[in-house]
Amino acid sequence: RSGEMAKLTQLIDNEVFRAYATYATIVLLKMMLMSLITAYFRITRKAFVNPEDTASLGKGESAKKYLRTDPDVERVRRGHLNDLENIVPFLGIGLLYALSGPELSTALLHFRIFVGARIIHTFAYLIPLPQPSRGLSWAVAYTVTISMAYKVLKTALYL
């Protein structure tokens, strides 16, 4: 058992794992920021989905007008949902990829391109930038995740 624990603690000495942990943390923080941006837009646009959220804006019928959808809030929510659909797979596949023994330079390239593309995707969604900027940034990040998955499957093929 002590040998197993030593292996786990040595993981932090692995440069590729440290790179993964760094870039995974960056995209997780970016995704968390989307929650705050959603809240900001809900408050500034006075567009809520739960009756209790309107309590400070009035009572009864006067508060009901704030139970509504807003295009700006919905745009942020769609961006956040897109993060969930793409960052979560990156976290799992990226971890397996980091543990599959890639070269540090190749791993850094994968991680940096993914994070950069997801940040561009967020700006493309929030500003909004004209298409195909959002679509291309999504495709680049998606392709990086597929590339890492291919490497994992190629390295440890037990199909």
C-alpha atoms as a PDB file:
ATOM      1  CA  ARG A   1       0.000   0.000   0.000  1.00  0.00           C
ATOM      2  CA  SER A   2       2.716   2.505   0.778  1.00  0.00           C
ATOM      3  CA  GLY A   3       4.098   1.902  -2.741  1.00  0.00           C
ATOM      4  CA  GLU A   4       0.741   2.903  -4.240  1.00  0.00           C
ATOM      5  CA  MET A   5       0.636   6.088  -2.229  1.00  0.00           C
ATOM      6  CA  ALA A   6       4.156   6.991  -3.285  1.00  0.00           C
ATOM      7  CA  LYS A   7       3.123   6.652  -6.938  1.00  0.00           C
ATOM      8  CA  LEU A   8       0.192   8.996  -6.413  1.00  0.00           C
ATOM      9  CA  THR A   9       2.301  11.616  -4.693  1.00  0.00           C
ATOM     10  CA  GLN A  10       4.904  11.374  -7.459  1.00  0.00           C
ATOM     11  CA  LEU A  11       2.241  12.351  -9.980  1.00  0.00           C
ATOM     12  CA  ILE A  12       2.677  16.009  -9.067  1.00  0.00           C
ATOM     13  CA  ASP A  13       6.322  15.695 -10.162  1.00  0.00           C
ATOM     14  CA  ASN A  14       5.183  14.726 -13.661  1.00  0.00           C
ATOM     15  CA  GLU A  15       5.562  17.811 -15.864  1.00  0.00           C
ATOM     16  CA  VAL A  16       2.762  16.809 -18.233  1.00  0.00           C
ATOM     17  CA  PHE A  17       0.380  16.245 -15.330  1.00  0.00           C
ATOM     18  CA  ARG A  18       1.311  19.659 -13.882  1.00  0.00           C
ATOM     19  CA  ALA A  19       0.652  21.246 -17.285  1.00  0.00           C
ATOM     20  CA  TYR A  20      -2.722  19.481 -17.445  1.00  0.00           C
ATOM     21  CA  ALA A  21      -3.582  20.638 -13.926  1.00  0.00           C
ATOM     22  CA  THR A  22      -2.668  24.218 -14.833  1.00  0.00           C
ATOM     23  CA  TYR A  23      -4.755  24.409 -18.003  1.00  0.00           C
ATOM     24  CA  ALA A  24      -7.642  22.410 -16.539  1.00  0.00           C
ATOM     25  CA  THR A  25      -7.785  24.910 -13.683  1.00  0.00           C
ATOM     26  CA  ILE A  26      -7.813  27.830 -16.131  1.00  0.00           C
ATOM     27  CA  VAL A  27     -10.778  26.470 -18.113  1.00  0.00           C
ATOM     28  CA  LEU A  28     -12.639  25.505 -14.938  1.00  0.00           C
ATOM     29  CA  LEU A  29     -12.233  29.037 -13.589  1.00  0.00           C
ATOM     30  CA  LYS A  30     -13.396  30.411 -16.947  1.00  0.00           C
ATOM     31  CA  MET A  31     -16.442  28.160 -16.787  1.00  0.00           C
ATOM     32  CA  MET A  32     -17.160  29.277 -13.211  1.00  0.00           C
ATOM     33  CA  LEU A  33     -16.908  32.887 -14.355  1.00  0.00           C
ATOM     34  CA  MET A  34     -19.764  32.184 -16.767  1.00  0.00           C
ATOM     35  CA  SER A  35     -22.031  31.585 -13.734  1.00  0.00           C
ATOM     36  CA  LEU A  36     -21.150  35.021 -12.384  1.00  0.00           C
ATOM     37  CA  ILE A  37     -21.730  36.616 -15.779  1.00  0.00           C
ATOM     38  CA  THR A  38     -25.127  34.916 -15.979  1.00  0.00           C
ATOM     39  CA  ALA A  39     -26.029  36.265 -12.537  1.00  0.00           C
ATOM     40  CA  TYR A  40     -24.851  39.745 -13.547  1.00  0.00           C
ATOM     41  CA  PHE A  41     -27.034  39.702 -16.658  1.00  0.00           C
ATOM     42  CA  ARG A  42     -30.032  38.377 -14.711  1.00  0.00           C
ATOM     43  CA  ILE A  43     -29.714  41.177 -12.152  1.00  0.00           C
ATOM     44  CA  THR A  44     -29.013  44.009 -14.597  1.00  0.00           C
ATOM     45  CA  ARG A  45     -31.726  42.864 -17.036  1.00  0.00           C
ATOM     46  CA  LYS A  46     -34.139  42.004 -14.193  1.00  0.00           C
ATOM     47  CA  ALA A  47     -34.908  38.653 -15.807  1.00  0.00           C
ATOM     48  CA  PHE A  48     -35.420  35.847 -13.318  1.00  0.00           C
ATOM     49  CA  VAL A  49     -36.790  32.308 -13.481  1.00  0.00           C
ATOM     50  CA  ASN A  50     -37.673  31.736  -9.808  1.00  0.00           C
ATOM     51  CA  PRO A  51     -40.367  33.726  -7.987  1.00  0.00           C
ATOM     52  CA  GLU A  52     -38.236  34.044  -4.848  1.00  0.00           C
ATOM     53  CA  ASP A  53     -35.568  35.836  -6.892  1.00  0.00           C
ATOM     54  CA  THR A  54     -37.991  38.708  -7.538  1.00  0.00           C
ATOM     55  CA  ALA A  55     -38.854  39.324  -3.857  1.00  0.00           C
ATOM     56  CA  SER A  56     -36.713  42.462  -3.647  1.00  0.00           C
ATOM     57  CA  LEU A  57     -38.397  43.907  -6.761  1.00  0.00           C
ATOM     58  CA  GLY A  58     -41.964  43.936  -5.501  1.00  0.00           C
ATOM     59  CA  LYS A  59     -44.828  41.710  -4.443  1.00  0.00           C
ATOM     60  CA  GLY A  60     -47.551  39.819  -6.273  1.00  0.00           C
ATOM     61  CA  GLU A  61     -48.346  40.893  -9.802  1.00  0.00           C
ATOM     62  CA  SER A  62     -45.695  43.643  -9.868  1.00  0.00           C
ATOM     63  CA  ALA A  63     -42.975  41.036  -9.262  1.00  0.00           C
ATOM     64  CA  LYS A  64     -44.327  38.614 -11.887  1.00  0.00           C
ATOM     65  CA  LYS A  65     -43.173  40.838 -14.736  1.00  0.00           C
ATOM     66  CA  TYR A  66     -39.582  39.980 -13.760  1.00  0.00           C
ATOM     67  CA  LEU A  67     -40.221  36.257 -14.269  1.00  0.00           C
ATOM     68  CA  ARG A  68     -39.179  36.246 -17.890  1.00  0.00           C
ATOM     69  CA  THR A  69     -36.494  35.312 -20.347  1.00  0.00           C
ATOM     70  CA  ASP A  70     -34.058  37.835 -21.735  1.00  0.00           C
ATOM     71  CA  PRO A  71     -32.028  37.389 -24.940  1.00  0.00           C
ATOM     72  CA  ASP A  72     -28.787  38.548 -23.280  1.00  0.00           C
ATOM     73  CA  VAL A  73     -29.223  36.182 -20.334  1.00  0.00           C
ATOM     74  CA  GLU A  74     -30.051  33.323 -22.688  1.00  0.00           C
ATOM     75  CA  ARG A  75     -26.948  34.019 -24.790  1.00  0.00           C
ATOM     76  CA  VAL A  76     -24.711  33.797 -21.711  1.00  0.00           C
ATOM     77  CA  ARG A  77     -26.496  30.625 -20.615  1.00  0.00           C
ATOM     78  CA  ARG A  78     -25.935  29.037 -24.028  1.00  0.00           C
ATOM     79  CA  GLY A  79     -22.242  29.893 -23.800  1.00  0.00           C
ATOM     80  CA  HIS A  80     -22.093  28.344 -20.339  1.00  0.00           C
ATOM     81  CA  LEU A  81     -23.886  25.220 -21.541  1.00  0.00           C
ATOM     82  CA  ASN A  82     -21.435  24.954 -24.421  1.00  0.00           C
ATOM     83  CA  ASP A  83     -18.603  25.109 -21.856  1.00  0.00           C
ATOM     84  CA  LEU A  84     -20.166  22.234 -19.944  1.00  0.00           C
ATOM     85  CA  GLU A  85     -20.511  20.199 -23.125  1.00  0.00           C
ATOM     86  CA  ASN A  86     -16.876  20.730 -24.126  1.00  0.00           C
ATOM     87  CA  ILE A  87     -14.790  21.370 -21.016  1.00  0.00           C
ATOM     88  CA  VAL A  88     -16.059  18.313 -19.124  1.00  0.00           C
ATOM     89  CA  PRO A  89     -14.895  15.905 -21.879  1.00  0.00           C
ATOM     90  CA  PHE A  90     -11.575  17.784 -22.033  1.00  0.00           C
ATOM     91  CA  LEU A  91     -11.081  17.227 -18.296  1.00  0.00           C
ATOM     92  CA  GLY A  92     -11.565  13.465 -18.530  1.00  0.00           C
ATOM     93  CA  ILE A  93      -9.789  12.864 -21.820  1.00  0.00           C
ATOM     94  CA  GLY A  94      -7.055  15.368 -20.957  1.00  0.00           C
ATOM     95  CA  LEU A  95      -6.319  13.540 -17.701  1.00  0.00           C
ATOM     96  CA  LEU A  96      -6.081  10.185 -19.478  1.00  0.00           C
ATOM     97  CA  TYR A  97      -3.934  11.841 -22.138  1.00  0.00           C
ATOM     98  CA  ALA A  98      -1.615  13.363 -19.520  1.00  0.00           C
ATOM     99  CA  LEU A  99      -1.206   9.917 -17.959  1.00  0.00           C
ATOM    100  CA  SER A 100      -0.532   8.255 -21.340  1.00  0.00           C
ATOM    101  CA  GLY A 101       3.024   9.600 -21.476  1.00  0.00           C
ATOM    102  CA  PRO A 102       2.977  12.261 -24.224  1.00  0.00           C
ATOM    103  CA  GLU A 103       5.906  14.555 -24.852  1.00  0.00           C
ATOM    104  CA  LEU A 104       5.645  17.727 -22.757  1.00  0.00           C
ATOM    105  CA  SER A 105       5.828  19.988 -25.821  1.00  0.00           C
ATOM    106  CA  THR A 106       3.014  18.090 -27.564  1.00  0.00           C
ATOM    107  CA  ALA A 107       0.878  18.075 -24.414  1.00  0.00           C
ATOM    108  CA  LEU A 108       1.416  21.809 -23.892  1.00  0.00           C
ATOM    109  CA  LEU A 109       0.411  22.435 -27.497  1.00  0.00           C
ATOM    110  CA  HIS A 110      -2.813  20.470 -26.996  1.00  0.00           C
ATOM    111  CA  PHE A 111      -3.653  22.145 -23.679  1.00  0.00           C
ATOM    112  CA  ARG A 112      -2.804  25.680 -24.807  1.00  0.00           C
ATOM    113  CA  ILE A 113      -4.720  25.432 -28.064  1.00  0.00           C
ATOM    114  CA  PHE A 114      -7.769  24.039 -26.242  1.00  0.00           C
ATOM    115  CA  VAL A 115      -7.747  26.768 -23.585  1.00  0.00           C
ATOM    116  CA  GLY A 116      -7.126  29.527 -26.129  1.00  0.00           C
ATOM    117  CA  ALA A 117      -9.922  28.284 -28.369  1.00  0.00           C
ATOM    118  CA  ARG A 118     -12.374  28.087 -25.445  1.00  0.00           C
ATOM    119  CA  ILE A 119     -11.502  31.635 -24.347  1.00  0.00           C
ATOM    120  CA  ILE A 120     -11.992  32.892 -27.907  1.00  0.00           C
ATOM    121  CA  HIS A 121     -15.277  30.961 -28.034  1.00  0.00           C
ATOM    122  CA  THR A 122     -16.474  32.760 -24.900  1.00  0.00           C
ATOM    123  CA  PHE A 123     -15.650  36.188 -26.323  1.00  0.00           C
ATOM    124  CA  ALA A 124     -17.271  35.212 -29.617  1.00  0.00           C
ATOM    125  CA  TYR A 125     -20.420  34.277 -27.711  1.00  0.00           C
ATOM    126  CA  LEU A 126     -20.565  37.251 -25.350  1.00  0.00           C
ATOM    127  CA  ILE A 127     -19.585  40.144 -27.628  1.00  0.00           C
ATOM    128  CA  PRO A 128     -20.905  38.547 -30.103  1.00  0.00           C
ATOM    129  CA  LEU A 129     -18.294  38.240 -32.828  1.00  0.00           C
ATOM    130  CA  PRO A 130     -19.469  37.436 -36.350  1.00  0.00           C
ATOM    131  CA  GLN A 131     -19.505  33.836 -37.453  1.00  0.00           C
ATOM    132  CA  PRO A 132     -17.527  31.760 -38.218  1.00  0.00           C
ATOM    133  CA  SER A 133     -15.420  32.883 -35.213  1.00  0.00           C
ATOM    134  CA  ARG A 134     -17.506  31.035 -32.656  1.00  0.00           C
ATOM    135  CA  GLY A 135     -17.878  27.949 -34.828  1.00  0.00           C
ATOM    136  CA  LEU A 136     -14.183  27.812 -35.663  1.00  0.00           C
ATOM    137  CA  SER A 137     -13.099  28.251 -32.055  1.00  0.00           C
ATOM    138  CA  TRP A 138     -15.482  25.453 -31.042  1.00  0.00           C
ATOM    139  CA  ALA A 139     -14.163  23.188 -33.809  1.00  0.00           C
ATOM    140  CA  VAL A 140     -10.527  23.817 -32.884  1.00  0.00           C
ATOM    141  CA  ALA A 141     -11.097  22.935 -29.218  1.00  0.00           C
ATOM    142  CA  TYR A 142     -13.203  19.902 -30.160  1.00  0.00           C
ATOM    143  CA  THR A 143     -10.497  18.676 -32.545  1.00  0.00           C
ATOM    144  CA  VAL A 144      -7.875  18.986 -29.801  1.00  0.00           C
ATOM    145  CA  THR A 145      -9.974  16.806 -27.497  1.00  0.00           C
ATOM    146  CA  ILE A 146     -10.445  14.216 -30.267  1.00  0.00           C
ATOM    147  CA  SER A 147      -6.682  14.283 -30.936  1.00  0.00           C
ATOM    148  CA  MET A 148      -5.955  13.561 -27.271  1.00  0.00           C
ATOM    149  CA  ALA A 149      -8.567  10.770 -27.236  1.00  0.00           C
ATOM    150  CA  TYR A 150      -6.951   9.216 -30.312  1.00  0.00           C
ATOM    151  CA  LYS A 151      -3.544   9.273 -28.583  1.00  0.00           C
ATOM    152  CA  VAL A 152      -5.008   7.630 -25.465  1.00  0.00           C
ATOM    153  CA  LEU A 153      -6.670   4.892 -27.520  1.00  0.00           C
ATOM    154  CA  LYS A 154      -3.540   4.381 -29.623  1.00  0.00           C
ATOM    155  CA  THR A 155      -1.341   4.133 -26.507  1.00  0.00           C
ATOM    156  CA  ALA A 156      -3.519   1.778 -24.481  1.00  0.00           C
ATOM    157  CA  LEU A 157      -5.741  -0.033 -26.949  1.00  0.00           C
ATOM    158  CA  TYR A 158      -7.816  -2.621 -25.107  1.00  0.00           C
ATOM    159  CA  LEU A 159     -10.767  -2.697 -27.478  1.00  0.00           C
END
